[in-house]
C-alpha atoms as a PDB file:
ATOM      1  CA  MET A   1      -0.272   6.945 -25.250  1.00  0.00           C
ATOM      2  CA  ALA A   2      -1.988   5.032 -22.415  1.00  0.00           C
ATOM      3  CA  LEU A   3      -4.015   8.135 -21.526  1.00  0.00           C
ATOM      4  CA  LYS A   4      -5.186   8.436 -25.109  1.00  0.00           C
ATOM      5  CA  ALA A   5      -6.466   4.868 -24.818  1.00  0.00           C
ATOM      6  CA  ILE A   6      -8.338   5.779 -21.777  1.00  0.00           C
ATOM      7  CA  ARG A   7      -9.990   8.599 -23.407  1.00  0.00           C
ATOM      8  CA  ASN A   8     -10.893   6.430 -26.324  1.00  0.00           C
ATOM      9  CA  LEU A   9     -12.192   3.539 -24.187  1.00  0.00           C
ATOM     10  CA  GLY A  10     -13.845   5.664 -21.619  1.00  0.00           C
ATOM     11  CA  ASP A  11     -12.931   6.453 -17.953  1.00  0.00           C
ATOM     12  CA  SER A  12     -12.507   3.309 -15.955  1.00  0.00           C
ATOM     13  CA  SER A  13     -10.677   3.008 -12.586  1.00  0.00           C
ATOM     14  CA  SER A  14      -9.255  -0.247 -13.722  1.00  0.00           C
ATOM     15  CA  LEU A  15      -7.639   1.355 -16.845  1.00  0.00           C
ATOM     16  CA  TYR A  16      -6.029   4.062 -14.578  1.00  0.00           C
ATOM     17  CA  ILE A  17      -4.684   1.207 -12.430  1.00  0.00           C
ATOM     18  CA  VAL A  18      -3.074  -0.432 -15.478  1.00  0.00           C
ATOM     19  CA  VAL A  19      -1.541   2.962 -16.470  1.00  0.00           C
ATOM     20  CA  GLY A  20      -0.380   3.562 -12.926  1.00  0.00           C
ATOM     21  CA  ASP A  21       1.214   0.080 -12.723  1.00  0.00           C
ATOM     22  CA  GLU A  22       3.099   0.720 -16.014  1.00  0.00           C
ATOM     23  CA  TYR A  23       4.458   3.987 -14.695  1.00  0.00           C
ATOM     24  CA  LYS A  24       5.408   2.298 -11.499  1.00  0.00           C
ATOM     25  CA  ILE A  25       7.349  -0.407 -13.359  1.00  0.00           C
ATOM     26  CA  LEU A  26       9.141   2.235 -15.366  1.00  0.00           C
ATOM     27  CA  GLY A  27      10.074   4.043 -12.031  1.00  0.00           C
ATOM     28  CA  ASP A  28       7.981   7.073 -12.804  1.00  0.00           C
ATOM     29  CA  TYR A  29       6.385   7.181  -9.399  1.00  0.00           C
ATOM     30  CA  SER A  30       4.898  10.751  -9.776  1.00  0.00           C
ATOM     31  CA  LYS A  31       2.997   9.719 -12.988  1.00  0.00           C
ATOM     32  CA  ALA A  32       1.980   6.492 -11.321  1.00  0.00           C
ATOM     33  CA  LEU A  33       0.546   8.405  -8.397  1.00  0.00           C
ATOM     34  CA  VAL A  34      -1.472  10.709 -10.604  1.00  0.00           C
ATOM     35  CA  SER A  35      -2.904   7.877 -12.403  1.00  0.00           C
ATOM     36  CA  TYR A  36      -4.058   6.107  -9.128  1.00  0.00           C
ATOM     37  CA  GLN A  37      -5.449   9.506  -8.101  1.00  0.00           C
ATOM     38  CA  PHE A  38      -7.561   9.591 -11.253  1.00  0.00           C
ATOM     39  CA  GLY A  39      -8.702   6.080 -10.541  1.00  0.00           C
ATOM     40  CA  LEU A  40      -9.763   7.050  -7.116  1.00  0.00           C
ATOM     41  CA  LYS A  41     -11.893   9.836  -8.413  1.00  0.00           C
ATOM     42  CA  LEU A  42     -13.939   7.283 -10.345  1.00  0.00           C
ATOM     43  CA  SER A  43     -13.952   4.520  -7.637  1.00  0.00           C
ATOM     44  CA  PRO A  44     -13.237   6.309  -4.232  1.00  0.00           C
ATOM     45  CA  THR A  45     -13.713   3.173  -2.075  1.00  0.00           C
ATOM     46  CA  LYS A  46     -11.524   0.758  -4.152  1.00  0.00           C
ATOM     47  CA  ALA A  47      -9.026  -0.592  -1.592  1.00  0.00           C
ATOM     48  CA  ASN A  48      -6.516  -1.881  -4.014  1.00  0.00           C
ATOM     49  CA  ILE A  49      -6.022   1.624  -5.567  1.00  0.00           C
ATOM     50  CA  TYR A  50      -5.238   3.000  -2.082  1.00  0.00           C
ATOM     51  CA  ASN A  51      -2.725   0.214  -1.524  1.00  0.00           C
ATOM     52  CA  ARG A  52      -1.006   0.922  -4.801  1.00  0.00           C
ATOM     53  CA  MET A  53      -0.888   4.632  -3.930  1.00  0.00           C
ATOM     54  CA  GLY A  54       0.787   3.781  -0.599  1.00  0.00           C
ATOM     55  CA  LEU A  55       3.324   1.702  -2.342  1.00  0.00           C
ATOM     56  CA  VAL A  56       4.160   4.524  -4.664  1.00  0.00           C
ATOM     57  CA  LEU A  57       4.214   6.950  -1.801  1.00  0.00           C
ATOM     58  CA  LEU A  58       6.738   4.748  -0.035  1.00  0.00           C
ATOM     59  CA  LYS A  59       9.072   5.006  -3.101  1.00  0.00           C
ATOM     60  CA  LEU A  60       8.605   8.758  -2.904  1.00  0.00           C
ATOM     61  CA  ASN A  61       9.634   8.777   0.875  1.00  0.00           C
ATOM     62  CA  SER A  62       6.225  10.123   1.741  1.00  0.00           C
ATOM     63  CA  TYR A  63       5.728   7.935   4.632  1.00  0.00           C
ATOM     64  CA  HIS A  64       2.813   9.811   6.395  1.00  0.00           C
ATOM     65  CA  LYS A  65       0.907   9.914   3.171  1.00  0.00           C
ATOM     66  CA  ALA A  66       1.645   6.258   2.562  1.00  0.00           C
ATOM     67  CA  GLU A  67       0.298   5.428   5.989  1.00  0.00           C
ATOM     68  CA  ALA A  68      -2.993   7.314   5.274  1.00  0.00           C
ATOM     69  CA  ALA A  69      -3.242   5.335   1.926  1.00  0.00           C
ATOM     70  CA  PHE A  70      -2.775   2.003   3.540  1.00  0.00           C
ATOM     71  CA  LYS A  71      -5.159   2.862   6.372  1.00  0.00           C
ATOM     72  CA  ALA A  72      -7.857   3.616   3.743  1.00  0.00           C
ATOM     73  CA  ALA A  73      -7.050   0.471   1.897  1.00  0.00           C
ATOM     74  CA  ILE A  74      -7.539  -1.471   5.188  1.00  0.00           C
ATOM     75  CA  PHE A  75     -10.739   0.345   5.900  1.00  0.00           C
ATOM     76  CA  PHE A  76     -12.277  -0.159   2.542  1.00  0.00           C
ATOM     77  CA  ILE A  77     -11.195  -3.872   2.074  1.00  0.00           C
ATOM     78  CA  GLY A  78     -13.409  -5.004   4.868  1.00  0.00           C
ATOM     79  CA  ASP A  79     -13.036  -8.195   7.006  1.00  0.00           C
ATOM     80  CA  ASP A  80     -14.211 -10.727   4.362  1.00  0.00           C
ATOM     81  CA  LYS A  81     -11.007 -10.563   2.485  1.00  0.00           C
ATOM     82  CA  PRO A  82      -8.397 -11.486   5.083  1.00  0.00           C
ATOM     83  CA  VAL A  83      -5.389 -12.164   2.809  1.00  0.00           C
ATOM     84  CA  PRO A  84      -5.364  -8.689   1.086  1.00  0.00           C
ATOM     85  CA  LYS A  85      -6.179  -7.107   4.405  1.00  0.00           C
ATOM     86  CA  GLY A  86      -3.282  -8.750   5.930  1.00  0.00           C
ATOM     87  CA  VAL A  87      -1.029  -7.511   3.101  1.00  0.00           C
ATOM     88  CA  TYR A  88      -2.249  -3.979   3.531  1.00  0.00           C
ATOM     89  CA  TYR A  89      -1.519  -4.181   7.141  1.00  0.00           C
ATOM     90  CA  ASN A  90       2.000  -5.328   6.277  1.00  0.00           C
ATOM     91  CA  ASN A  91       2.546  -2.466   4.011  1.00  0.00           C
ATOM     92  CA  LEU A  92       1.416  -0.101   6.670  1.00  0.00           C
ATOM     93  CA  GLY A  93       4.007  -1.676   9.102  1.00  0.00           C
ATOM     94  CA  VAL A  94       6.625  -1.074   6.341  1.00  0.00           C
ATOM     95  CA  SER A  95       5.712   2.562   6.295  1.00  0.00           C
ATOM     96  CA  TYR A  96       6.138   2.903   9.993  1.00  0.00           C
ATOM     97  CA  GLU A  97       9.340   0.916  10.030  1.00  0.00           C
ATOM     98  CA  ALA A  98      10.649   3.216   7.228  1.00  0.00           C
ATOM     99  CA  ARG A  99      10.638   6.082   9.703  1.00  0.00           C
ATOM    100  CA  ASN A 100      11.978   4.036  12.480  1.00  0.00           C
ATOM    101  CA  ASP A 101       8.828   3.830  14.449  1.00  0.00           C
ATOM    102  CA  PHE A 102       9.425   0.208  15.362  1.00  0.00           C
ATOM    103  CA  LYS A 103       6.679  -0.011  17.878  1.00  0.00           C
ATOM    104  CA  ASN A 104       3.896   0.891  15.441  1.00  0.00           C
ATOM    105  CA  ALA A 105       5.679  -1.212  12.836  1.00  0.00           C
ATOM    106  CA  ALA A 106       5.467  -4.318  15.070  1.00  0.00           C
ATOM    107  CA  LYS A 107       1.872  -3.565  15.974  1.00  0.00           C
ATOM    108  CA  TYR A 108       0.913  -3.687  12.334  1.00  0.00           C
ATOM    109  CA  PHE A 109       3.018  -6.625  11.333  1.00  0.00           C
ATOM    110  CA  ARG A 110       1.300  -8.559  14.268  1.00  0.00           C
ATOM    111  CA  ALA A 111      -2.108  -7.514  12.771  1.00  0.00           C
ATOM    112  CA  THR A 112      -1.016  -8.748   9.428  1.00  0.00           C
ATOM    113  CA  LEU A 113      -0.328 -12.166  10.967  1.00  0.00           C
ATOM    114  CA  ARG A 114      -3.860 -12.196  12.556  1.00  0.00           C
ATOM    115  CA  TYR A 115      -5.465 -11.848   9.178  1.00  0.00           C
ATOM    116  CA  TYR A 116      -2.718 -13.813   7.100  1.00  0.00           C
ATOM    117  CA  PRO A 117      -0.728 -16.111   9.579  1.00  0.00           C
ATOM    118  CA  SER A 118       1.372 -17.781   6.873  1.00  0.00           C
ATOM    119  CA  TYR A 119       2.584 -14.542   5.317  1.00  0.00           C
ATOM    120  CA  MET A 120       6.489 -15.104   5.466  1.00  0.00           C
ATOM    121  CA  LYS A 121       7.288 -11.549   4.630  1.00  0.00           C
ATOM    122  CA  ALA A 122       5.259 -10.304   7.655  1.00  0.00           C
ATOM    123  CA  GLN A 123       6.835 -12.805   9.896  1.00  0.00           C
ATOM    124  CA  ASN A 124      10.325 -11.700   8.747  1.00  0.00           C
ATOM    125  CA  ASN A 125       9.416  -8.076   9.041  1.00  0.00           C
ATOM    126  CA  LEU A 126       8.095  -8.623  12.628  1.00  0.00           C
ATOM    127  CA  LYS A 127      11.229 -10.437  13.688  1.00  0.00           C
ATOM    128  CA  ARG A 128      13.375  -7.706  12.293  1.00  0.00           C
ATOM    129  CA  VAL A 129      11.548  -4.907  14.046  1.00  0.00           C
ATOM    130  CA  GLU A 130      11.328  -6.797  17.336  1.00  0.00           C
ATOM    131  CA  GLU A 131      15.070  -7.192  17.119  1.00  0.00           C
ATOM    132  CA  ALA A 132      15.451  -3.430  16.604  1.00  0.00           C
ATOM    133  CA  LEU A 133      13.262  -2.828  19.512  1.00  0.00           C
ATOM    134  CA  SER A 134      15.124  -5.110  21.897  1.00  0.00           C
ATOM    135  CA  SER A 135      18.374  -3.362  20.818  1.00  0.00           C
ATOM    136  CA  GLN A 136      16.859  -0.013  21.608  1.00  0.00           C
ATOM    137  CA  GLY A 137      16.521  -1.125  25.251  1.00  0.00           C
END
């Protein structure tokens, strides 16, 4: 149904984002990913699409692909938008933590806080991975 609307309204990366978000809400991560990929074909430098793809890839346990998507989001967002850049760094840290690479996770959570110092989620994430690192010896 949503894809019919896109065909009728014309291709727009924003429409593919909406469709992908709906699929993600429904838990259909594979379809969400495909929708975001269509959006990227139309807007290959749109950071928020890469971030959404990364979040879906985390749900699909594709951690290395999620890392690549978050790194692309960080690259394309630029330095003039520190809050979303910080959020993207946090998501990158989450992808490293998911595969127990606590050292890199901590590195990216710290990067998050350089761009978005008041981000409580990143503060908590950093504390958790630092505790994991200290327990490893």
